Amino acid sequence: MRRPLKKKRTWNPDLKYGSETLTRFINAVMWSGKKDTARAVVYDAFDKIKEGGADPLETFEAAIRNVSPLMEVRSRRVGGANYQVPREVPQSRRLALSFRWLINAARSKKGQPMADKLATELLLAAKSEGDAIKKRDEMHRMAEANKAFAHFAW
């Protein structure tokens, strides 16, 4: 029997830019409940993007849009064999994956403050470049390679 669907959460828009997506992103950046620190990091990154002459909120939304995967592979057991079945990614998971990939790409760089790394990664993702985009392309390649097993989708 399927488990019941969760209730959809609602988020308050963030204080500075009035975006619910940005609030969720700040929560994803947060470690150990230190929301003020996470907020400071994200707003500093946005200030650095603004210094470069771009609109930070548009850059952020373009980065999220570019990094969000359309297809992913899910493991499915059929007749004793495991198949990687390509599936479309639901919108909520798309957002979660794009947040995770952008933050991990920024954290993996060394030798700079987190705000600088995050600003750089957001700018690269908005131009369809960078580590987060590579991760999305890798996922799309896996889905394309396993297209033969699409008929096993549930």
C-alpha atoms as a PDB file:
ATOM      1  CA  MET A   1       0.000   0.000   0.000  1.00  0.00           C
ATOM      2  CA  ARG A   2       1.276   3.471  -0.834  1.00  0.00           C
ATOM      3  CA  ARG A   3       2.096   5.842   1.955  1.00  0.00           C
ATOM      4  CA  PRO A   4      -0.074   8.964   2.223  1.00  0.00           C
ATOM      5  CA  LEU A   5       1.140  12.134   0.525  1.00  0.00           C
ATOM      6  CA  LYS A   6       2.707  14.750   2.751  1.00  0.00           C
ATOM      7  CA  LYS A   7       1.076  18.119   3.172  1.00  0.00           C
ATOM      8  CA  LYS A   8       2.773  20.819   1.109  1.00  0.00           C
ATOM      9  CA  ARG A   9       4.759  23.210   3.257  1.00  0.00           C
ATOM     10  CA  THR A  10       4.588  26.947   2.789  1.00  0.00           C
ATOM     11  CA  TRP A  11       7.543  29.232   3.325  1.00  0.00           C
ATOM     12  CA  ASN A  12       7.570  32.886   4.244  1.00  0.00           C
ATOM     13  CA  PRO A  13       9.235  35.095   1.632  1.00  0.00           C
ATOM     14  CA  ASP A  14      12.748  36.149   2.606  1.00  0.00           C
ATOM     15  CA  LEU A  15      13.236  39.521   4.258  1.00  0.00           C
ATOM     16  CA  LYS A  16      15.297  41.318   1.632  1.00  0.00           C
ATOM     17  CA  TYR A  17      14.115  40.044  -1.764  1.00  0.00           C
ATOM     18  CA  GLY A  18      10.621  38.698  -1.028  1.00  0.00           C
ATOM     19  CA  SER A  19      11.223  35.290  -2.621  1.00  0.00           C
ATOM     20  CA  GLU A  20      10.039  31.972  -1.171  1.00  0.00           C
ATOM     21  CA  THR A  21      12.589  30.084  -3.284  1.00  0.00           C
ATOM     22  CA  LEU A  22      15.372  32.170  -1.762  1.00  0.00           C
ATOM     23  CA  THR A  23      14.093  31.336   1.732  1.00  0.00           C
ATOM     24  CA  ARG A  24      14.315  27.647   0.888  1.00  0.00           C
ATOM     25  CA  PHE A  25      17.813  28.149  -0.525  1.00  0.00           C
ATOM     26  CA  ILE A  26      18.950  29.918   2.672  1.00  0.00           C
ATOM     27  CA  ASN A  27      17.573  26.985   4.673  1.00  0.00           C
ATOM     28  CA  ALA A  28      19.550  24.600   2.449  1.00  0.00           C
ATOM     29  CA  VAL A  29      22.765  26.585   3.007  1.00  0.00           C
ATOM     30  CA  MET A  30      22.204  26.578   6.781  1.00  0.00           C
ATOM     31  CA  TRP A  31      24.326  24.282   8.951  1.00  0.00           C
ATOM     32  CA  SER A  32      23.588  23.383  12.592  1.00  0.00           C
ATOM     33  CA  GLY A  33      20.608  25.731  12.790  1.00  0.00           C
ATOM     34  CA  LYS A  34      22.706  28.862  12.179  1.00  0.00           C
ATOM     35  CA  LYS A  35      20.209  30.678  10.003  1.00  0.00           C
ATOM     36  CA  ASP A  36      21.660  34.165  10.505  1.00  0.00           C
ATOM     37  CA  THR A  37      25.037  32.942   9.280  1.00  0.00           C
ATOM     38  CA  ALA A  38      23.445  31.260   6.253  1.00  0.00           C
ATOM     39  CA  ARG A  39      21.417  34.385   5.492  1.00  0.00           C
ATOM     40  CA  ALA A  40      24.567  36.533   5.739  1.00  0.00           C
ATOM     41  CA  VAL A  41      26.437  34.214   3.358  1.00  0.00           C
ATOM     42  CA  VAL A  42      23.659  34.234   0.756  1.00  0.00           C
ATOM     43  CA  TYR A  43      23.085  37.995   0.961  1.00  0.00           C
ATOM     44  CA  ASP A  44      26.868  38.612   0.684  1.00  0.00           C
ATOM     45  CA  ALA A  45      26.916  36.402  -2.404  1.00  0.00           C
ATOM     46  CA  PHE A  46      24.003  38.408  -3.836  1.00  0.00           C
ATOM     47  CA  ASP A  47      25.874  41.664  -3.087  1.00  0.00           C
ATOM     48  CA  LYS A  48      28.901  40.347  -4.977  1.00  0.00           C
ATOM     49  CA  ILE A  49      26.673  39.456  -7.947  1.00  0.00           C
ATOM     50  CA  LYS A  50      25.188  42.972  -7.803  1.00  0.00           C
ATOM     51  CA  GLU A  51      28.715  44.464  -7.833  1.00  0.00           C
ATOM     52  CA  GLY A  52      29.334  42.562 -11.064  1.00  0.00           C
ATOM     53  CA  GLY A  53      26.450  44.445 -12.655  1.00  0.00           C
ATOM     54  CA  ALA A  54      23.839  41.671 -12.722  1.00  0.00           C
ATOM     55  CA  ASP A  55      20.487  41.490 -10.964  1.00  0.00           C
ATOM     56  CA  PRO A  56      21.062  38.975  -8.151  1.00  0.00           C
ATOM     57  CA  LEU A  57      17.518  37.555  -7.978  1.00  0.00           C
ATOM     58  CA  GLU A  58      17.326  37.046 -11.764  1.00  0.00           C
ATOM     59  CA  THR A  59      20.776  35.444 -11.739  1.00  0.00           C
ATOM     60  CA  PHE A  60      19.719  33.144  -8.897  1.00  0.00           C
ATOM     61  CA  GLU A  61      16.505  32.115 -10.672  1.00  0.00           C
ATOM     62  CA  ALA A  62      18.364  31.544 -13.959  1.00  0.00           C
ATOM     63  CA  ALA A  63      20.933  29.409 -12.122  1.00  0.00           C
ATOM     64  CA  ILE A  64      18.201  27.308 -10.480  1.00  0.00           C
ATOM     65  CA  ARG A  65      16.398  26.932 -13.822  1.00  0.00           C
ATOM     66  CA  ASN A  66      19.604  25.845 -15.602  1.00  0.00           C
ATOM     67  CA  VAL A  67      20.721  23.396 -12.908  1.00  0.00           C
ATOM     68  CA  SER A  68      17.312  21.735 -12.406  1.00  0.00           C
ATOM     69  CA  PRO A  69      17.324  18.233 -13.939  1.00  0.00           C
ATOM     70  CA  LEU A  70      14.445  17.113 -16.169  1.00  0.00           C
ATOM     71  CA  MET A  71      15.155  13.359 -16.076  1.00  0.00           C
ATOM     72  CA  GLU A  72      16.770  11.026 -13.563  1.00  0.00           C
ATOM     73  CA  VAL A  73      17.284   7.273 -13.254  1.00  0.00           C
ATOM     74  CA  ARG A  74      15.617   5.272 -10.483  1.00  0.00           C
ATOM     75  CA  SER A  75      16.506   1.678  -9.695  1.00  0.00           C
ATOM     76  CA  ARG A  76      13.725  -0.828 -10.410  1.00  0.00           C
ATOM     77  CA  ARG A  77      13.881  -4.548  -9.685  1.00  0.00           C
ATOM     78  CA  VAL A  78      12.267  -6.656 -12.415  1.00  0.00           C
ATOM     79  CA  GLY A  79      12.565 -10.432 -12.485  1.00  0.00           C
ATOM     80  CA  GLY A  80      15.686 -10.653 -10.345  1.00  0.00           C
ATOM     81  CA  ALA A  81      17.556  -7.920 -12.217  1.00  0.00           C
ATOM     82  CA  ASN A  82      17.939  -4.261 -11.270  1.00  0.00           C
ATOM     83  CA  TYR A  83      17.337  -1.767 -14.051  1.00  0.00           C
ATOM     84  CA  GLN A  84      18.083   1.933 -14.064  1.00  0.00           C
ATOM     85  CA  VAL A  85      14.762   3.302 -15.294  1.00  0.00           C
ATOM     86  CA  PRO A  86      14.673   6.915 -16.538  1.00  0.00           C
ATOM     87  CA  ARG A  87      11.908   9.028 -14.971  1.00  0.00           C
ATOM     88  CA  GLU A  88      10.820  12.623 -15.075  1.00  0.00           C
ATOM     89  CA  VAL A  89      11.833  14.562 -11.968  1.00  0.00           C
ATOM     90  CA  PRO A  90       8.980  16.129  -9.937  1.00  0.00           C
ATOM     91  CA  GLN A  91       9.202  19.908  -9.450  1.00  0.00           C
ATOM     92  CA  SER A  92       9.880  19.758  -5.701  1.00  0.00           C
ATOM     93  CA  ARG A  93      12.753  17.292  -6.208  1.00  0.00           C
ATOM     94  CA  ARG A  94      14.148  19.413  -9.064  1.00  0.00           C
ATOM     95  CA  LEU A  95      14.423  22.350  -6.710  1.00  0.00           C
ATOM     96  CA  ALA A  96      15.978  20.260  -3.933  1.00  0.00           C
ATOM     97  CA  LEU A  97      18.551  18.720  -6.295  1.00  0.00           C
ATOM     98  CA  SER A  98      19.502  22.060  -7.834  1.00  0.00           C
ATOM     99  CA  PHE A  99      19.968  23.595  -4.359  1.00  0.00           C
ATOM    100  CA  ARG A 100      22.063  20.628  -3.241  1.00  0.00           C
ATOM    101  CA  TRP A 101      24.255  20.665  -6.357  1.00  0.00           C
ATOM    102  CA  LEU A 102      24.859  24.430  -6.260  1.00  0.00           C
ATOM    103  CA  ILE A 103      25.766  24.393  -2.555  1.00  0.00           C
ATOM    104  CA  ASN A 104      27.991  21.309  -2.829  1.00  0.00           C
ATOM    105  CA  ALA A 105      29.769  22.793  -5.863  1.00  0.00           C
ATOM    106  CA  ALA A 106      30.422  25.993  -3.903  1.00  0.00           C
ATOM    107  CA  ARG A 107      31.558  24.133  -0.778  1.00  0.00           C
ATOM    108  CA  SER A 108      33.940  21.915  -2.743  1.00  0.00           C
ATOM    109  CA  LYS A 109      36.027  24.894  -3.860  1.00  0.00           C
ATOM    110  CA  LYS A 110      38.798  25.803  -1.432  1.00  0.00           C
ATOM    111  CA  GLY A 111      40.593  28.934  -0.309  1.00  0.00           C
ATOM    112  CA  GLN A 112      37.819  31.556  -0.476  1.00  0.00           C
ATOM    113  CA  PRO A 113      34.988  32.706   1.754  1.00  0.00           C
ATOM    114  CA  MET A 114      31.720  30.836   1.173  1.00  0.00           C
ATOM    115  CA  ALA A 115      29.958  33.970  -0.115  1.00  0.00           C
ATOM    116  CA  ASP A 116      32.559  34.355  -2.902  1.00  0.00           C
ATOM    117  CA  LYS A 117      32.340  30.682  -3.854  1.00  0.00           C
ATOM    118  CA  LEU A 118      28.545  30.772  -3.889  1.00  0.00           C
ATOM    119  CA  ALA A 119      28.439  33.939  -5.993  1.00  0.00           C
ATOM    120  CA  THR A 120      30.867  32.409  -8.490  1.00  0.00           C
ATOM    121  CA  GLU A 121      28.881  29.189  -8.724  1.00  0.00           C
ATOM    122  CA  LEU A 122      25.575  31.043  -9.189  1.00  0.00           C
ATOM    123  CA  LEU A 123      27.065  33.195 -11.960  1.00  0.00           C
ATOM    124  CA  LEU A 124      28.523  30.140 -13.700  1.00  0.00           C
ATOM    125  CA  ALA A 125      25.255  28.222 -13.412  1.00  0.00           C
ATOM    126  CA  ALA A 126      23.319  31.168 -14.826  1.00  0.00           C
ATOM    127  CA  LYS A 127      25.621  30.940 -17.890  1.00  0.00           C
ATOM    128  CA  SER A 128      25.164  27.115 -18.023  1.00  0.00           C
ATOM    129  CA  GLU A 129      28.704  26.410 -16.852  1.00  0.00           C
ATOM    130  CA  GLY A 130      30.285  25.114 -13.654  1.00  0.00           C
ATOM    131  CA  ASP A 131      30.243  21.988 -11.501  1.00  0.00           C
ATOM    132  CA  ALA A 132      26.496  21.992 -10.787  1.00  0.00           C
ATOM    133  CA  ILE A 133      25.744  22.023 -14.531  1.00  0.00           C
ATOM    134  CA  LYS A 134      28.182  19.119 -15.021  1.00  0.00           C
ATOM    135  CA  LYS A 135      26.249  17.179 -12.384  1.00  0.00           C
ATOM    136  CA  ARG A 136      22.949  17.838 -14.183  1.00  0.00           C
ATOM    137  CA  ASP A 137      24.436  16.847 -17.552  1.00  0.00           C
ATOM    138  CA  GLU A 138      25.787  13.647 -16.009  1.00  0.00           C
ATOM    139  CA  MET A 139      22.311  12.771 -14.721  1.00  0.00           C
ATOM    140  CA  HIS A 140      20.766  13.491 -18.142  1.00  0.00           C
ATOM    141  CA  ARG A 141      23.409  11.303 -19.824  1.00  0.00           C
ATOM    142  CA  MET A 142      22.551   8.418 -17.477  1.00  0.00           C
ATOM    143  CA  ALA A 143      18.850   8.800 -18.285  1.00  0.00           C
ATOM    144  CA  GLU A 144      19.587   8.926 -22.016  1.00  0.00           C
ATOM    145  CA  ALA A 145      21.822   5.846 -21.837  1.00  0.00           C
ATOM    146  CA  ASN A 146      19.100   3.853 -20.064  1.00  0.00           C
ATOM    147  CA  LYS A 147      16.234   4.972 -22.298  1.00  0.00           C
ATOM    148  CA  ALA A 148      15.796   1.355 -23.424  1.00  0.00           C
ATOM    149  CA  PHE A 149      14.423   0.514 -19.968  1.00  0.00           C
ATOM    150  CA  ALA A 150      11.791   3.285 -19.991  1.00  0.00           C
ATOM    151  CA  HIS A 151       9.024   0.726 -20.503  1.00  0.00           C
ATOM    152  CA  PHE A 152       9.688  -0.506 -16.933  1.00  0.00           C
ATOM    153  CA  ALA A 153       8.576   2.859 -15.526  1.00  0.00           C
ATOM    154  CA  TRP A 154       5.894   2.586 -12.896  1.00  0.00           C
END
